[in-house]
Each structure stands twice: as C-alpha cells, then as structure tokens.
Amino acid sequence: MQIKSIFAKKKKYAAIPTEKAKQEIPEGLVEKCHNCSKIFYEKEWKNNLHVCPACGAHHKMTAQQRINSIIDEHTFEEWDADIETNNPLDFPEYEQKLKKDQEKTGLKDAVVTGKAKVNGLPTALVVMDPHFRMASMGAVVGEKITRALEKAREQELPIIFFTASGGARMQEGMISLMQMGKTSMAVERFNRAGGCMIVVMTNPTTGGVTASFASIGDYHFAEPGALIGFAGRRIIEQTIREKLPDTFQTAEFQLEHGQIDRVVKRSDLKKLLTTILDLHRPKGDK
C-alpha cells in the first residue's frame, strides 16, 4: 500500500471571481490594451492619450476626447449640433439603432464640427466618432462636413479633419453614396478659395470616406497602425487572386506607397498641427 506524501504538490486551479467580487471593482477603473492585453488604470490611460504605455497601440477615442486632446481649453464652438437623420428610406429598426447610439455617445450623429484654437491659432474642426454607427457616412455626416467646409471658407479658417469611418451607411443606401460627391465638391470650393485642409486618418478610415474627402486634402497624416483603405482585404484578394502582405492597408503601408505624408504618434500631433497652422497663418495676422 502506497501512502501519498504530505509534501506532494497540490494542483493549482484558477479562482473564478464571485459576482460580489466583480461588483467591488468600479466600472471604468481599468482599461485593457487590445494589442498586448496588458491592463492599466483608467487615469494612466487618459494621461497617455489612450495610447498603450506598454506597446504603443493607438486606441479609439470619442470625438470629444479627440477634440480635448488638441485644442486650447474652452475655445471650442460647435456647429450644427442638432442636425439628425429622419430615416429617409424607412429602413427597418434604423431609428432604434440611432437612438441607442445617441444615448451611448451623447451625439446626434457620427461627426462633430466646429471651430477652436490650437496653441492660439484658430481653425475649423471635423471630428468623426467611431462609436456612433462606426462613423459611417450618411446624409447628416455629409451635410455637416459640407457646412463646416463652407463656414471655414467664409471665415477664412484652415480646417482639420479627424477621420474614423467604416464607410457608407447602408441604411441610407444611395443617399449615403451621394455624400461622396457632395463633400468632394465642398473641398474643391474650399481649395479654390485658398483654404488649407489637414486630414488625420485614424483607425479605421475606410470605404466612401477614404474614396472622397479624406484623400483630397493638402496634408495627409495617419496614426500608427491605422487601417486605411477602400474595399476590405478579403474582397481584394478574391478579386485579384493574390495573397496580400500582412501590412496591407496599414498607415505604414500607405506611407510607403505615397498615399499619406507622414505617420504621426498621437503625442506628437498637436505640435505638428501647430506648425502647419502657423505656416498658413493669414497675411498680417500677428
């Protein structure tokens, strides 16, 4: 008869947190990096502009977080905040989905426009919010972008775009696709008036947004690792019947092939924008 040693190692099992233990952790206290899976306190996350302190992965920001990260405090004046869609095609359940996103984000639709100052330099702003219908471009997004370009032209302001979109909004069909031409014409009028347009592409910038106003500015920048493209990888591979490189459609790939001017870390962005705004300061402006 064998007697087990009292010194034999016991098996280790993972402890499953009880519901009470889960409730004791305040919501929003920590954030987990989607790239390296490391966990950080929310305060540290915010102080680092939602960039992972360990691996440098740039995470999504809300429109308001993005605006606050670059403008001078208390200088933002929002434009056209109350415009919202009326479900032009009577698409089933679309209104309920819009209401859900409105409650979640506090926005009427997927873009915030206005004017502010960046280190004392006035500029117009167009900031897309990926948390609202993936910042897809419907009639309201196209209209607000067009109005922002017109106001910037009238007030002789440069304009900064932060793009983050899944493309066209399927619930608005052809109306959504028409926004590509509408916004592109607004950019053309702005350019003819001598305006300066800066585009910062964030993750993801795809579909009709990439194929229209996002690609026809004066300066094109992107955040590290941002997905930038028109059609998806799988569609392209099936069409050309070739395997695409792993870096395909990343910001770094687009830089290598001349689609953008520079890949810019979020921590360096405000300084770069200030330099460009200063270069394009109106004559006689002190």
Protein backbone atom coordinates (compact mmCIF):
# COMPACT_ATOMS: atom_id res chain seq x y z
CA MET A 1 0.00 0.00 0.00
CA GLN A 2 1.39 3.37 -1.05
CA ILE A 3 0.86 6.39 1.12
CA LYS A 4 0.87 9.79 -0.63
CA SER A 5 3.48 12.14 0.70
CA ILE A 6 2.17 15.09 2.63
CA PHE A 7 4.70 17.14 0.72
CA ALA A 8 3.19 16.28 -2.68
CA LYS A 9 2.31 19.39 -4.68
CA LYS A 10 -1.32 20.27 -4.83
CA LYS A 11 -2.89 21.07 -8.17
CA LYS A 12 -3.45 24.76 -8.75
CA TYR A 13 -6.78 25.92 -10.05
CA ALA A 14 -7.76 29.37 -11.34
CA ALA A 15 -10.06 31.12 -8.92
CA ILE A 16 -13.28 32.28 -10.54
CA PRO A 17 -14.32 35.70 -9.16
CA THR A 18 -17.67 35.70 -7.47
CA GLU A 19 -20.37 38.13 -8.56
CA LYS A 20 -19.74 40.07 -5.37
CA ALA A 21 -16.04 40.39 -6.16
CA LYS A 22 -16.85 41.62 -9.67
CA GLN A 23 -19.18 44.26 -8.28
CA GLU A 24 -16.45 45.56 -5.97
CA ILE A 25 -14.33 46.67 -8.98
CA PRO A 26 -15.67 50.08 -10.05
CA GLU A 27 -16.63 50.30 -13.70
CA GLY A 28 -14.16 52.32 -15.76
CA LEU A 29 -11.32 51.83 -13.28
CA VAL A 30 -9.03 49.97 -15.69
CA GLU A 31 -8.52 49.59 -19.45
CA LYS A 32 -7.15 46.61 -21.37
CA CYS A 33 -4.95 47.03 -24.45
CA HIS A 34 -6.44 45.26 -27.48
CA ASN A 35 -2.94 44.61 -28.82
CA CYS A 36 -0.80 43.34 -25.90
CA SER A 37 -3.65 42.59 -23.43
CA LYS A 38 -1.96 44.46 -20.59
CA ILE A 39 -4.18 46.28 -18.12
CA PHE A 40 -3.73 49.86 -16.92
CA TYR A 41 -5.58 52.21 -14.64
CA GLU A 42 -8.02 54.47 -16.49
CA LYS A 43 -6.23 57.60 -15.24
CA GLU A 44 -2.93 56.41 -16.70
CA TRP A 45 -4.74 55.53 -19.93
CA LYS A 46 -6.23 59.01 -20.28
CA ASN A 47 -2.99 60.76 -19.42
CA ASN A 48 -1.32 58.83 -22.24
CA LEU A 49 -3.99 59.93 -24.76
CA HIS A 50 -5.44 56.40 -24.98
CA VAL A 51 -2.16 55.01 -26.26
CA CYS A 52 -0.94 51.81 -24.61
CA PRO A 53 2.07 52.63 -22.38
CA ALA A 54 3.49 49.14 -22.99
CA CYS A 55 3.23 48.54 -26.75
CA GLY A 56 2.25 51.95 -28.15
CA ALA A 57 -1.02 50.76 -29.73
CA HIS A 58 -3.30 53.70 -30.51
CA HIS A 59 -6.84 53.02 -29.29
CA LYS A 60 -10.05 54.64 -30.45
CA MET A 61 -11.12 57.96 -28.97
CA THR A 62 -14.52 59.61 -28.82
CA ALA A 63 -14.97 62.82 -30.76
CA GLN A 64 -14.89 64.85 -27.55
CA GLN A 65 -11.73 63.14 -26.30
CA ARG A 66 -10.08 63.84 -29.63
CA ILE A 67 -11.07 67.49 -29.56
CA ASN A 68 -9.88 67.95 -25.99
CA SER A 69 -6.52 66.38 -26.85
CA ILE A 70 -5.53 69.08 -29.34
CA ILE A 71 -7.42 72.33 -28.71
CA ASP A 72 -6.86 75.13 -26.23
CA GLU A 73 -9.19 74.77 -23.27
CA HIS A 74 -12.62 76.46 -23.53
CA THR A 75 -12.10 77.56 -27.16
CA PHE A 76 -14.35 75.06 -28.95
CA GLU A 77 -17.52 76.39 -30.57
CA GLU A 78 -19.66 73.61 -32.02
CA TRP A 79 -21.50 73.96 -35.32
CA ASP A 80 -24.79 72.30 -36.36
CA ALA A 81 -25.05 70.15 -33.24
CA ASP A 82 -28.79 69.46 -33.60
CA ILE A 83 -28.94 68.04 -37.13
CA GLU A 84 -30.15 64.43 -37.14
CA THR A 85 -31.40 61.94 -39.69
CA ASN A 86 -35.08 61.17 -40.29
CA ASN A 87 -34.58 57.65 -41.69
CA PRO A 88 -35.09 58.70 -45.34
CA LEU A 89 -35.58 55.14 -46.65
CA ASP A 90 -37.71 53.90 -43.72
CA PHE A 91 -35.12 51.21 -43.10
CA PRO A 92 -36.38 48.68 -40.51
CA GLU A 93 -35.09 49.22 -36.93
CA TYR A 94 -32.77 52.03 -38.08
CA GLU A 95 -34.34 54.61 -35.79
CA GLN A 96 -33.94 52.34 -32.76
CA LYS A 97 -30.26 51.80 -33.56
CA LEU A 98 -29.73 55.54 -33.96
CA LYS A 99 -31.41 56.22 -30.63
CA LYS A 100 -29.21 53.63 -28.92
CA ASP A 101 -26.04 55.23 -30.29
CA GLN A 102 -27.30 58.70 -29.42
CA GLU A 103 -27.79 57.63 -25.81
CA LYS A 104 -24.40 55.91 -25.73
CA THR A 105 -22.39 58.79 -27.23
CA GLY A 106 -24.42 61.89 -26.46
CA LEU A 107 -24.23 62.83 -30.17
CA LYS A 108 -26.97 63.28 -32.77
CA ASP A 109 -24.82 61.59 -35.42
CA ALA A 110 -21.30 60.38 -36.16
CA VAL A 111 -19.42 63.65 -36.65
CA VAL A 112 -18.75 66.77 -34.58
CA THR A 113 -17.87 70.04 -36.33
CA GLY A 114 -16.91 73.48 -35.07
CA LYS A 115 -14.05 75.88 -34.59
CA ALA A 116 -11.41 76.28 -31.90
CA LYS A 117 -7.83 77.35 -31.29
CA VAL A 118 -4.75 75.15 -31.30
CA ASN A 119 -1.95 76.86 -29.37
CA GLY A 120 -3.63 80.17 -30.06
CA LEU A 121 -4.17 79.53 -33.78
CA PRO A 122 -7.81 79.46 -34.97
CA THR A 123 -9.02 76.52 -37.04
CA ALA A 124 -12.18 74.70 -38.06
CA LEU A 125 -12.57 71.07 -36.97
CA VAL A 126 -14.33 67.99 -38.33
CA VAL A 127 -14.07 65.02 -35.96
CA MET A 128 -15.66 61.63 -36.68
CA ASP A 129 -16.67 59.38 -33.79
CA PRO A 130 -16.25 55.63 -34.43
CA HIS A 131 -18.56 54.79 -31.53
CA PHE A 132 -21.61 56.05 -33.48
CA ARG A 133 -22.61 53.60 -36.24
CA MET A 134 -18.87 53.07 -36.85
CA ALA A 135 -18.77 56.71 -38.03
CA SER A 136 -20.42 55.62 -41.27
CA MET A 137 -21.25 58.47 -43.64
CA GLY A 138 -24.93 59.13 -44.13
CA ALA A 139 -26.84 62.27 -45.10
CA VAL A 140 -26.23 64.04 -41.78
CA VAL A 141 -22.48 63.35 -41.76
CA GLY A 142 -22.17 64.57 -45.36
CA GLU A 143 -24.25 67.66 -44.65
CA LYS A 144 -22.29 68.63 -41.52
CA ILE A 145 -18.96 68.16 -43.29
CA THR A 146 -20.14 70.26 -46.23
CA ARG A 147 -21.39 73.03 -43.95
CA ALA A 148 -18.13 73.00 -41.99
CA LEU A 149 -16.12 73.45 -45.20
CA GLU A 150 -18.41 76.30 -46.31
CA LYS A 151 -18.14 78.07 -42.94
CA ALA A 152 -14.36 77.62 -42.89
CA ARG A 153 -14.21 79.13 -46.38
CA GLU A 154 -16.39 82.09 -45.43
CA GLN A 155 -14.44 82.75 -42.21
CA GLU A 156 -11.07 82.14 -43.92
CA LEU A 157 -10.14 79.40 -41.47
CA PRO A 158 -7.94 76.35 -42.10
CA ILE A 159 -9.71 73.07 -41.38
CA ILE A 160 -8.54 69.88 -39.65
CA PHE A 161 -10.27 66.55 -40.27
CA PHE A 162 -10.02 63.53 -37.99
CA THR A 163 -11.42 60.64 -39.99
CA ALA A 164 -12.54 57.31 -38.50
CA SER A 165 -15.15 55.51 -40.54
CA GLY A 166 -16.44 52.17 -41.72
CA GLY A 167 -17.56 53.81 -44.98
CA ALA A 168 -21.06 54.46 -46.30
CA ARG A 169 -24.14 53.94 -44.13
CA MET A 170 -26.05 51.03 -45.61
CA GLN A 171 -29.37 52.06 -44.03
CA GLU A 172 -29.40 55.18 -46.23
CA GLY A 173 -28.50 53.46 -49.49
CA MET A 174 -27.86 55.72 -52.48
CA ILE A 175 -28.34 58.84 -50.33
CA SER A 176 -25.26 57.78 -48.38
CA LEU A 177 -23.21 57.25 -51.56
CA MET A 178 -24.18 60.72 -52.81
CA GLN A 179 -22.31 62.25 -49.88
CA MET A 180 -19.01 61.30 -51.52
CA GLY A 181 -19.61 63.71 -54.40
CA LYS A 182 -21.20 66.33 -52.16
CA THR A 183 -18.28 66.53 -49.73
CA SER A 184 -15.70 66.36 -52.53
CA MET A 185 -17.26 69.37 -54.26
CA ALA A 186 -17.23 71.27 -50.97
CA VAL A 187 -13.50 70.52 -50.67
CA GLU A 188 -12.96 71.79 -54.23
CA ARG A 189 -14.69 75.10 -53.43
CA PHE A 190 -12.64 75.40 -50.26
CA ASN A 191 -9.40 74.74 -52.17
CA ARG A 192 -10.23 77.28 -54.88
CA ALA A 193 -10.68 79.89 -52.15
CA GLY A 194 -7.13 79.16 -50.95
CA GLY A 195 -8.05 77.21 -47.82
CA CYS A 196 -5.72 74.79 -46.03
CA MET A 197 -7.12 71.33 -45.32
CA ILE A 198 -5.34 68.90 -42.99
CA VAL A 199 -6.51 65.28 -42.76
CA VAL A 200 -5.55 62.98 -39.88
CA MET A 201 -6.62 59.41 -40.60
CA THR A 202 -7.30 57.29 -37.53
CA ASN A 203 -8.27 53.65 -37.16
CA PRO A 204 -10.24 52.78 -39.23
CA THR A 205 -10.64 55.09 -42.25
CA THR A 206 -12.28 53.04 -44.98
CA GLY A 207 -14.88 52.93 -47.73
CA GLY A 208 -16.51 56.03 -49.15
CA VAL A 209 -14.79 58.35 -46.68
CA THR A 210 -11.37 57.26 -47.95
CA ALA A 211 -12.63 57.49 -51.53
CA SER A 212 -13.82 61.08 -51.12
CA PHE A 213 -12.88 63.99 -48.86
CA ALA A 214 -10.32 62.10 -46.73
CA SER A 215 -7.95 61.68 -49.66
CA ILE A 216 -8.07 65.15 -51.26
CA GLY A 217 -6.71 67.46 -48.58
CA ASP A 218 -3.45 69.43 -48.61
CA TYR A 219 -1.79 67.38 -45.85
CA HIS A 220 -2.49 63.72 -45.10
CA PHE A 221 -1.32 62.17 -41.85
CA ALA A 222 -2.21 58.95 -40.06
CA GLU A 223 -1.82 57.44 -36.63
CA PRO A 224 0.45 54.39 -36.24
CA GLY A 225 -1.19 51.14 -37.26
CA ALA A 226 -4.38 52.78 -38.54
CA LEU A 227 -6.37 50.77 -41.09
CA ILE A 228 -6.75 52.87 -44.25
CA GLY A 229 -8.36 51.64 -47.45
CA PHE A 230 -11.45 51.36 -49.61
CA ALA A 231 -12.54 47.74 -50.04
CA GLY A 232 -11.72 45.06 -47.47
CA ARG A 233 -8.71 42.76 -47.69
CA ARG A 234 -10.76 39.63 -48.44
CA ILE A 235 -12.66 41.29 -51.30
CA ILE A 236 -9.43 42.50 -52.89
CA GLU A 237 -7.72 39.12 -52.52
CA GLN A 238 -10.68 37.38 -54.14
CA THR A 239 -10.71 39.90 -56.98
CA ILE A 240 -7.01 39.85 -57.84
CA ARG A 241 -6.50 36.25 -56.70
CA GLU A 242 -3.33 37.08 -54.84
CA LYS A 243 -2.29 36.96 -51.20
CA LEU A 244 -1.74 40.45 -49.83
CA PRO A 245 1.08 41.33 -47.38
CA ASP A 246 0.28 41.38 -43.65
CA THR A 247 0.90 45.14 -43.52
CA PHE A 248 -1.53 45.86 -46.36
CA GLN A 249 -3.76 48.90 -45.73
CA THR A 250 -1.92 49.94 -42.57
CA ALA A 251 -0.78 53.54 -42.16
CA GLU A 252 2.81 52.42 -42.60
CA PHE A 253 1.97 50.63 -45.87
CA GLN A 254 0.15 53.72 -47.17
CA LEU A 255 3.14 55.91 -46.30
CA GLU A 256 5.50 53.59 -48.17
CA HIS A 257 3.28 53.78 -51.26
CA GLY A 258 2.69 57.53 -51.22
CA GLN A 259 -0.92 57.63 -50.02
CA ILE A 260 -0.11 59.75 -46.94
CA ASP A 261 2.60 62.24 -46.00
CA ARG A 262 3.56 61.03 -42.53
CA VAL A 263 2.69 58.60 -39.76
CA VAL A 264 2.38 60.65 -36.58
CA LYS A 265 2.19 59.49 -32.98
CA ARG A 266 -0.70 60.99 -31.06
CA SER A 267 1.68 62.62 -28.59
CA ASP A 268 3.41 64.50 -31.44
CA LEU A 269 0.29 65.54 -33.31
CA LYS A 270 -0.55 68.85 -31.64
CA LYS A 271 2.96 70.18 -32.24
CA LEU A 272 2.81 69.22 -35.92
CA LEU A 273 -0.64 70.76 -36.39
CA THR A 274 0.55 73.96 -34.71
CA THR A 275 3.49 74.21 -37.12
CA ILE A 276 1.24 73.83 -40.17
CA LEU A 277 -1.39 76.25 -38.89
CA ASP A 278 1.35 78.78 -38.21
CA LEU A 279 2.73 78.37 -41.75
CA HIS A 280 -0.71 79.06 -43.20
CA ARG A 281 -1.50 81.99 -40.92
CA PRO A 282 -3.23 84.77 -42.93
CA LYS A 283 -1.02 87.64 -44.04
CA GLY A 284 -0.88 90.44 -41.49
CA ASP A 285 -2.11 88.17 -38.68
CA LYS A 286 0.15 88.67 -35.68
